[in-house]
Amino acid sequence: MISCDSRESIRNETLNDLKSTDWAWDINVILDKDCFHPLVYPEVSKTERQTIASYNALKIALQNTDAQWIVFMEDDLIFNKHIAHNLISWYPIKNNILNFGSLYTPKNNRCSQEEGMFWYKADCLRLYGSQFYIMSREAASWAITYWNSIEGMQDIRLTRLSRGKPIYYYTPSLVEHRNVSSVWGGVTHHSDDFNLDWKHP
């Protein structure tokens, strides 16, 4: 999870909400200020802080765990109550074919190229919003290696760097964006298919 000092209360609400679900794995919080020298931090733009914190979050995840899947999330979310069950039961995870995926679709941006049972393959060039990604170790490692080959914030870099392999999106969305302002001034968006209580059959 990426975050910053000014989002402490929002971050705590998000973490408490996640604890109320069936989620069973540890969450490592990466604060943007820890990615810079204290004298440099105030001079760095908010967009660059978030982008570099995202890079560091992936790098630390790869270093600190040998898990097959790496989860990347933002700090202002509401979660489906059965998120762990739904994730484990998801076709791309269950069949070990996921390279990169998301549990959140922004409203009016269902850029589907192919659809299946509770998933669709998305057009990487139309994707935005890094609310909740899940990726293979290989995808995370690839992103770290070629991070600076793509311009933009973390959502643009991660999705474009996953081009060439299917990008799976969960349907319905299992996370929702909290109704709070963006740290860096972006437009706040929400999902139009989030389901708090939905459970994978």
C-alpha atoms as a PDB file:
ATOM      1  CA  MET A   1       0.000   0.000   0.000  1.00  0.00           C
ATOM      2  CA  ILE A   2       1.326   3.430  -0.926  1.00  0.00           C
ATOM      3  CA  SER A   3       0.423   6.387   1.270  1.00  0.00           C
ATOM      4  CA  CYS A   4       1.643   9.635   2.839  1.00  0.00           C
ATOM      5  CA  ASP A   5       1.469  11.394   6.200  1.00  0.00           C
ATOM      6  CA  SER A   6      -1.482  13.587   5.236  1.00  0.00           C
ATOM      7  CA  ARG A   7      -3.588  10.481   4.548  1.00  0.00           C
ATOM      8  CA  GLU A   8      -3.087   8.806   7.928  1.00  0.00           C
ATOM      9  CA  SER A   9      -6.746   8.903   8.963  1.00  0.00           C
ATOM     10  CA  ILE A  10      -7.959   7.751   5.540  1.00  0.00           C
ATOM     11  CA  ARG A  11      -5.310   5.033   5.468  1.00  0.00           C
ATOM     12  CA  ASN A  12      -6.391   3.778   8.891  1.00  0.00           C
ATOM     13  CA  GLU A  13     -10.017   3.645   7.777  1.00  0.00           C
ATOM     14  CA  THR A  14      -8.977   1.623   4.744  1.00  0.00           C
ATOM     15  CA  LEU A  15      -6.841  -0.798   6.772  1.00  0.00           C
ATOM     16  CA  ASN A  16      -9.611  -1.236   9.345  1.00  0.00           C
ATOM     17  CA  ASP A  17     -12.089  -1.912   6.565  1.00  0.00           C
ATOM     18  CA  LEU A  18      -9.775  -4.547   5.114  1.00  0.00           C
ATOM     19  CA  LYS A  19      -9.456  -6.184   8.549  1.00  0.00           C
ATOM     20  CA  SER A  20     -13.253  -6.545   8.648  1.00  0.00           C
ATOM     21  CA  THR A  21     -13.136  -8.762   5.540  1.00  0.00           C
ATOM     22  CA  ASP A  22     -11.714 -12.265   5.129  1.00  0.00           C
ATOM     23  CA  TRP A  23      -8.318 -10.902   4.069  1.00  0.00           C
ATOM     24  CA  ALA A  24      -5.565 -12.938   5.756  1.00  0.00           C
ATOM     25  CA  TRP A  25      -2.284 -11.513   4.441  1.00  0.00           C
ATOM     26  CA  ASP A  26      -0.015  -8.801   5.818  1.00  0.00           C
ATOM     27  CA  ILE A  27      -0.057  -5.334   4.275  1.00  0.00           C
ATOM     28  CA  ASN A  28       3.171  -3.361   4.004  1.00  0.00           C
ATOM     29  CA  VAL A  29       2.592   0.412   3.982  1.00  0.00           C
ATOM     30  CA  ILE A  30       5.101   2.484   2.004  1.00  0.00           C
ATOM     31  CA  LEU A  31       5.109   6.193   2.904  1.00  0.00           C
ATOM     32  CA  ASP A  32       6.312   8.516   0.178  1.00  0.00           C
ATOM     33  CA  LYS A  33       8.478  10.543   2.598  1.00  0.00           C
ATOM     34  CA  ASP A  34      10.594   7.459   3.294  1.00  0.00           C
ATOM     35  CA  CYS A  35      11.629   7.356  -0.353  1.00  0.00           C
ATOM     36  CA  PHE A  36      13.499  10.667  -0.237  1.00  0.00           C
ATOM     37  CA  HIS A  37      16.076  12.534   1.802  1.00  0.00           C
ATOM     38  CA  PRO A  38      14.204  14.854   4.227  1.00  0.00           C
ATOM     39  CA  LEU A  39      15.720  17.942   2.577  1.00  0.00           C
ATOM     40  CA  VAL A  40      14.719  16.784  -0.903  1.00  0.00           C
ATOM     41  CA  TYR A  41      11.163  15.640  -0.150  1.00  0.00           C
ATOM     42  CA  PRO A  42       9.527  19.120   0.022  1.00  0.00           C
ATOM     43  CA  GLU A  43      10.935  19.973  -3.398  1.00  0.00           C
ATOM     44  CA  VAL A  44       9.498  16.909  -5.126  1.00  0.00           C
ATOM     45  CA  SER A  45       6.086  17.179  -6.817  1.00  0.00           C
ATOM     46  CA  LYS A  46       3.220  15.125  -5.410  1.00  0.00           C
ATOM     47  CA  THR A  47       2.919  13.160  -8.639  1.00  0.00           C
ATOM     48  CA  GLU A  48       6.599  12.234  -8.576  1.00  0.00           C
ATOM     49  CA  ARG A  49       6.395  11.311  -4.878  1.00  0.00           C
ATOM     50  CA  GLN A  50       3.581   8.876  -5.604  1.00  0.00           C
ATOM     51  CA  THR A  51       5.267   7.434  -8.690  1.00  0.00           C
ATOM     52  CA  ILE A  52       8.566   6.815  -6.897  1.00  0.00           C
ATOM     53  CA  ALA A  53       6.779   5.415  -3.826  1.00  0.00           C
ATOM     54  CA  SER A  54       5.006   2.965  -6.161  1.00  0.00           C
ATOM     55  CA  TYR A  55       8.311   1.843  -7.651  1.00  0.00           C
ATOM     56  CA  ASN A  56       9.764   1.356  -4.158  1.00  0.00           C
ATOM     57  CA  ALA A  57       6.671  -0.540  -2.992  1.00  0.00           C
ATOM     58  CA  LEU A  58       7.105  -3.105  -5.769  1.00  0.00           C
ATOM     59  CA  LYS A  59      10.840  -3.354  -5.197  1.00  0.00           C
ATOM     60  CA  ILE A  60      10.386  -3.924  -1.448  1.00  0.00           C
ATOM     61  CA  ALA A  61       7.655  -6.499  -2.055  1.00  0.00           C
ATOM     62  CA  LEU A  62       9.947  -8.501  -4.327  1.00  0.00           C
ATOM     63  CA  GLN A  63      12.749  -8.319  -1.771  1.00  0.00           C
ATOM     64  CA  ASN A  64      10.675  -9.163   1.302  1.00  0.00           C
ATOM     65  CA  THR A  65       8.539 -12.048   0.077  1.00  0.00           C
ATOM     66  CA  ASP A  66       8.764 -15.029  -2.200  1.00  0.00           C
ATOM     67  CA  ALA A  67       4.997 -15.005  -2.740  1.00  0.00           C
ATOM     68  CA  GLN A  68       3.760 -15.944  -6.197  1.00  0.00           C
ATOM     69  CA  TRP A  69       1.519 -12.880  -6.426  1.00  0.00           C
ATOM     70  CA  ILE A  70       2.253  -9.255  -5.550  1.00  0.00           C
ATOM     71  CA  VAL A  71      -0.610  -6.962  -4.495  1.00  0.00           C
ATOM     72  CA  PHE A  72      -0.390  -3.197  -5.018  1.00  0.00           C
ATOM     73  CA  MET A  73      -3.050  -0.925  -3.575  1.00  0.00           C
ATOM     74  CA  GLU A  74      -3.806   2.690  -2.764  1.00  0.00           C
ATOM     75  CA  ASP A  75      -4.823   3.951   0.676  1.00  0.00           C
ATOM     76  CA  ASP A  76      -8.417   5.115   0.099  1.00  0.00           C
ATOM     77  CA  LEU A  77     -10.482   2.000  -0.523  1.00  0.00           C
ATOM     78  CA  ILE A  78     -13.602   0.126   0.552  1.00  0.00           C
ATOM     79  CA  PHE A  79     -13.444  -3.663   0.175  1.00  0.00           C
ATOM     80  CA  ASN A  80     -15.818  -6.435  -0.734  1.00  0.00           C
ATOM     81  CA  LYS A  81     -16.440  -8.531   2.410  1.00  0.00           C
ATOM     82  CA  HIS A  82     -15.294 -11.756   0.720  1.00  0.00           C
ATOM     83  CA  ILE A  83     -12.315 -10.320  -1.131  1.00  0.00           C
ATOM     84  CA  ALA A  84      -9.886 -13.124  -0.219  1.00  0.00           C
ATOM     85  CA  HIS A  85     -12.303 -15.899  -1.154  1.00  0.00           C
ATOM     86  CA  ASN A  86     -13.208 -14.122  -4.360  1.00  0.00           C
ATOM     87  CA  LEU A  87      -9.578 -13.601  -5.299  1.00  0.00           C
ATOM     88  CA  ILE A  88      -8.521 -17.195  -4.615  1.00  0.00           C
ATOM     89  CA  SER A  89     -11.537 -18.443  -6.597  1.00  0.00           C
ATOM     90  CA  TRP A  90     -10.893 -16.168  -9.579  1.00  0.00           C
ATOM     91  CA  TYR A  91     -10.240 -17.960 -12.868  1.00  0.00           C
ATOM     92  CA  PRO A  92      -6.847 -16.338 -13.671  1.00  0.00           C
ATOM     93  CA  ILE A  93      -5.525 -17.053 -10.157  1.00  0.00           C
ATOM     94  CA  LYS A  94      -7.020 -20.508  -9.793  1.00  0.00           C
ATOM     95  CA  ASN A  95      -5.613 -21.566 -13.150  1.00  0.00           C
ATOM     96  CA  ASN A  96      -2.257 -19.872 -12.578  1.00  0.00           C
ATOM     97  CA  ILE A  97      -2.415 -17.764 -15.735  1.00  0.00           C
ATOM     98  CA  LEU A  98      -2.477 -14.248 -14.270  1.00  0.00           C
ATOM     99  CA  ASN A  99       0.319 -11.909 -15.262  1.00  0.00           C
ATOM    100  CA  PHE A 100      -1.377  -8.649 -14.295  1.00  0.00           C
ATOM    101  CA  GLY A 101      -4.878  -7.809 -13.097  1.00  0.00           C
ATOM    102  CA  SER A 102      -7.088  -5.373 -11.251  1.00  0.00           C
ATOM    103  CA  LEU A 103     -10.013  -5.631  -8.851  1.00  0.00           C
ATOM    104  CA  TYR A 104     -11.334  -2.174  -9.743  1.00  0.00           C
ATOM    105  CA  THR A 105     -12.927  -0.782 -12.902  1.00  0.00           C
ATOM    106  CA  PRO A 106     -13.477   2.997 -13.022  1.00  0.00           C
ATOM    107  CA  LYS A 107     -16.961   4.079 -14.061  1.00  0.00           C
ATOM    108  CA  ASN A 108     -17.498   4.121 -17.836  1.00  0.00           C
ATOM    109  CA  ASN A 109     -14.085   2.601 -18.531  1.00  0.00           C
ATOM    110  CA  ARG A 110     -14.894  -1.069 -19.079  1.00  0.00           C
ATOM    111  CA  CYS A 111     -12.528  -1.381 -22.028  1.00  0.00           C
ATOM    112  CA  SER A 112     -13.146  -5.068 -22.581  1.00  0.00           C
ATOM    113  CA  GLN A 113     -11.510  -7.036 -25.376  1.00  0.00           C
ATOM    114  CA  GLU A 114     -12.768 -10.443 -24.243  1.00  0.00           C
ATOM    115  CA  GLU A 115     -15.068 -11.572 -21.433  1.00  0.00           C
ATOM    116  CA  GLY A 116     -15.413 -14.655 -19.264  1.00  0.00           C
ATOM    117  CA  MET A 117     -16.953 -15.731 -15.964  1.00  0.00           C
ATOM    118  CA  PHE A 118     -16.263 -12.854 -13.533  1.00  0.00           C
ATOM    119  CA  TRP A 119     -13.408 -11.467 -15.639  1.00  0.00           C
ATOM    120  CA  TYR A 120     -12.641  -9.500 -18.754  1.00  0.00           C
ATOM    121  CA  LYS A 121      -9.436  -8.820 -20.624  1.00  0.00           C
ATOM    122  CA  ALA A 122      -8.778  -5.094 -20.822  1.00  0.00           C
ATOM    123  CA  ASP A 123      -7.209  -2.844 -23.441  1.00  0.00           C
ATOM    124  CA  CYS A 124      -3.988  -1.716 -21.728  1.00  0.00           C
ATOM    125  CA  LEU A 125      -3.836   1.558 -23.664  1.00  0.00           C
ATOM    126  CA  ARG A 126      -7.136   2.756 -22.166  1.00  0.00           C
ATOM    127  CA  LEU A 127      -6.529   1.806 -18.538  1.00  0.00           C
ATOM    128  CA  TYR A 128      -6.110   4.132 -15.582  1.00  0.00           C
ATOM    129  CA  GLY A 129      -6.553   3.949 -11.808  1.00  0.00           C
ATOM    130  CA  SER A 130      -4.170   1.929  -9.608  1.00  0.00           C
ATOM    131  CA  GLN A 131      -6.627   1.313  -6.783  1.00  0.00           C
ATOM    132  CA  PHE A 132      -5.905  -2.427  -6.473  1.00  0.00           C
ATOM    133  CA  TYR A 133      -3.586  -4.396  -8.727  1.00  0.00           C
ATOM    134  CA  ILE A 134      -2.456  -7.999  -8.412  1.00  0.00           C
ATOM    135  CA  MET A 135       0.455  -9.231 -10.498  1.00  0.00           C
ATOM    136  CA  SER A 136       2.859 -12.116 -10.855  1.00  0.00           C
ATOM    137  CA  ARG A 137       6.393 -11.775  -9.519  1.00  0.00           C
ATOM    138  CA  GLU A 138       7.555 -11.767 -13.118  1.00  0.00           C
ATOM    139  CA  ALA A 139       5.288  -8.828 -13.968  1.00  0.00           C
ATOM    140  CA  ALA A 140       6.478  -6.873 -10.909  1.00  0.00           C
ATOM    141  CA  SER A 141      10.121  -7.583 -11.731  1.00  0.00           C
ATOM    142  CA  TRP A 142       9.583  -6.539 -15.354  1.00  0.00           C
ATOM    143  CA  ALA A 143       7.959  -3.290 -14.197  1.00  0.00           C
ATOM    144  CA  ILE A 144      10.894  -2.482 -11.912  1.00  0.00           C
ATOM    145  CA  THR A 145      13.415  -3.185 -14.652  1.00  0.00           C
ATOM    146  CA  TYR A 146      11.695  -1.060 -17.307  1.00  0.00           C
ATOM    147  CA  TRP A 147       9.992   1.517 -15.050  1.00  0.00           C
ATOM    148  CA  ASN A 148      11.626   4.535 -16.667  1.00  0.00           C
ATOM    149  CA  SER A 149      10.878   3.411 -20.207  1.00  0.00           C
ATOM    150  CA  ILE A 150       7.297   4.697 -19.809  1.00  0.00           C
ATOM    151  CA  GLU A 151       6.235   8.221 -18.854  1.00  0.00           C
ATOM    152  CA  GLY A 152       3.378   8.874 -16.450  1.00  0.00           C
ATOM    153  CA  MET A 153       2.262   7.853 -12.993  1.00  0.00           C
ATOM    154  CA  GLN A 154       2.167   4.306 -11.679  1.00  0.00           C
ATOM    155  CA  ASP A 155      -1.166   3.308 -13.242  1.00  0.00           C
ATOM    156  CA  ILE A 156       0.040   4.250 -16.727  1.00  0.00           C
ATOM    157  CA  ARG A 157       3.458   2.656 -16.286  1.00  0.00           C
ATOM    158  CA  LEU A 158       2.235  -0.618 -14.802  1.00  0.00           C
ATOM    159  CA  THR A 159      -0.552  -1.235 -17.295  1.00  0.00           C
ATOM    160  CA  ARG A 160       1.474  -0.229 -20.363  1.00  0.00           C
ATOM    161  CA  LEU A 161       4.434  -2.321 -19.232  1.00  0.00           C
ATOM    162  CA  SER A 162       2.067  -5.304 -19.061  1.00  0.00           C
ATOM    163  CA  ARG A 163       1.250  -4.938 -22.746  1.00  0.00           C
ATOM    164  CA  GLY A 164       1.671  -8.128 -24.735  1.00  0.00           C
ATOM    165  CA  LYS A 165       0.033 -10.393 -22.146  1.00  0.00           C
ATOM    166  CA  PRO A 166      -3.640 -10.439 -21.088  1.00  0.00           C
ATOM    167  CA  ILE A 167      -4.616  -7.940 -18.388  1.00  0.00           C
ATOM    168  CA  TYR A 168      -7.498  -9.380 -16.386  1.00  0.00           C
ATOM    169  CA  TYR A 169     -10.069  -7.232 -14.596  1.00  0.00           C
ATOM    170  CA  TYR A 170     -12.401  -8.683 -11.961  1.00  0.00           C
ATOM    171  CA  THR A 171     -16.099  -8.229 -12.498  1.00  0.00           C
ATOM    172  CA  PRO A 172     -17.834  -7.126 -10.384  1.00  0.00           C
ATOM    173  CA  SER A 173     -15.282  -4.753  -8.855  1.00  0.00           C
ATOM    174  CA  LEU A 174     -14.175  -5.930  -5.426  1.00  0.00           C
ATOM    175  CA  VAL A 175     -12.905  -2.537  -4.258  1.00  0.00           C
ATOM    176  CA  GLU A 176     -14.390   0.931  -4.329  1.00  0.00           C
ATOM    177  CA  HIS A 177     -12.695   4.317  -4.235  1.00  0.00           C
ATOM    178  CA  ARG A 178     -13.479   6.299  -1.067  1.00  0.00           C
ATOM    179  CA  ASN A 179     -15.045   9.698  -1.637  1.00  0.00           C
ATOM    180  CA  VAL A 180     -11.935  11.725  -0.801  1.00  0.00           C
ATOM    181  CA  SER A 181      -9.872  14.204  -2.766  1.00  0.00           C
ATOM    182  CA  SER A 182      -6.803  13.105  -4.694  1.00  0.00           C
ATOM    183  CA  VAL A 183      -3.460  13.909  -3.059  1.00  0.00           C
ATOM    184  CA  TRP A 184      -1.909  15.051  -6.317  1.00  0.00           C
ATOM    185  CA  GLY A 185      -4.965  16.825  -7.758  1.00  0.00           C
ATOM    186  CA  GLY A 186      -6.353  14.129 -10.024  1.00  0.00           C
ATOM    187  CA  VAL A 187     -10.046  13.666 -10.757  1.00  0.00           C
ATOM    188  CA  THR A 188     -11.760  11.420  -8.203  1.00  0.00           C
ATOM    189  CA  HIS A 189     -13.428   8.433  -9.838  1.00  0.00           C
ATOM    190  CA  HIS A 190     -15.563   5.534  -8.649  1.00  0.00           C
ATOM    191  CA  SER A 191     -16.646   2.119  -9.853  1.00  0.00           C
ATOM    192  CA  ASP A 192     -20.140   1.535 -11.200  1.00  0.00           C
ATOM    193  CA  ASP A 193     -20.102  -2.222 -10.506  1.00  0.00           C
ATOM    194  CA  PHE A 194     -18.698  -2.497  -6.968  1.00  0.00           C
ATOM    195  CA  ASN A 195     -20.517  -5.105  -4.884  1.00  0.00           C
ATOM    196  CA  LEU A 196     -19.871  -5.115  -1.130  1.00  0.00           C
ATOM    197  CA  ASP A 197     -21.419  -8.504  -0.402  1.00  0.00           C
ATOM    198  CA  TRP A 198     -20.902 -10.490  -3.620  1.00  0.00           C
ATOM    199  CA  LYS A 199     -19.315 -13.932  -3.165  1.00  0.00           C
ATOM    200  CA  HIS A 200     -17.836 -16.106  -5.878  1.00  0.00           C
ATOM    201  CA  PRO A 201     -19.942 -19.268  -6.219  1.00  0.00           C
END
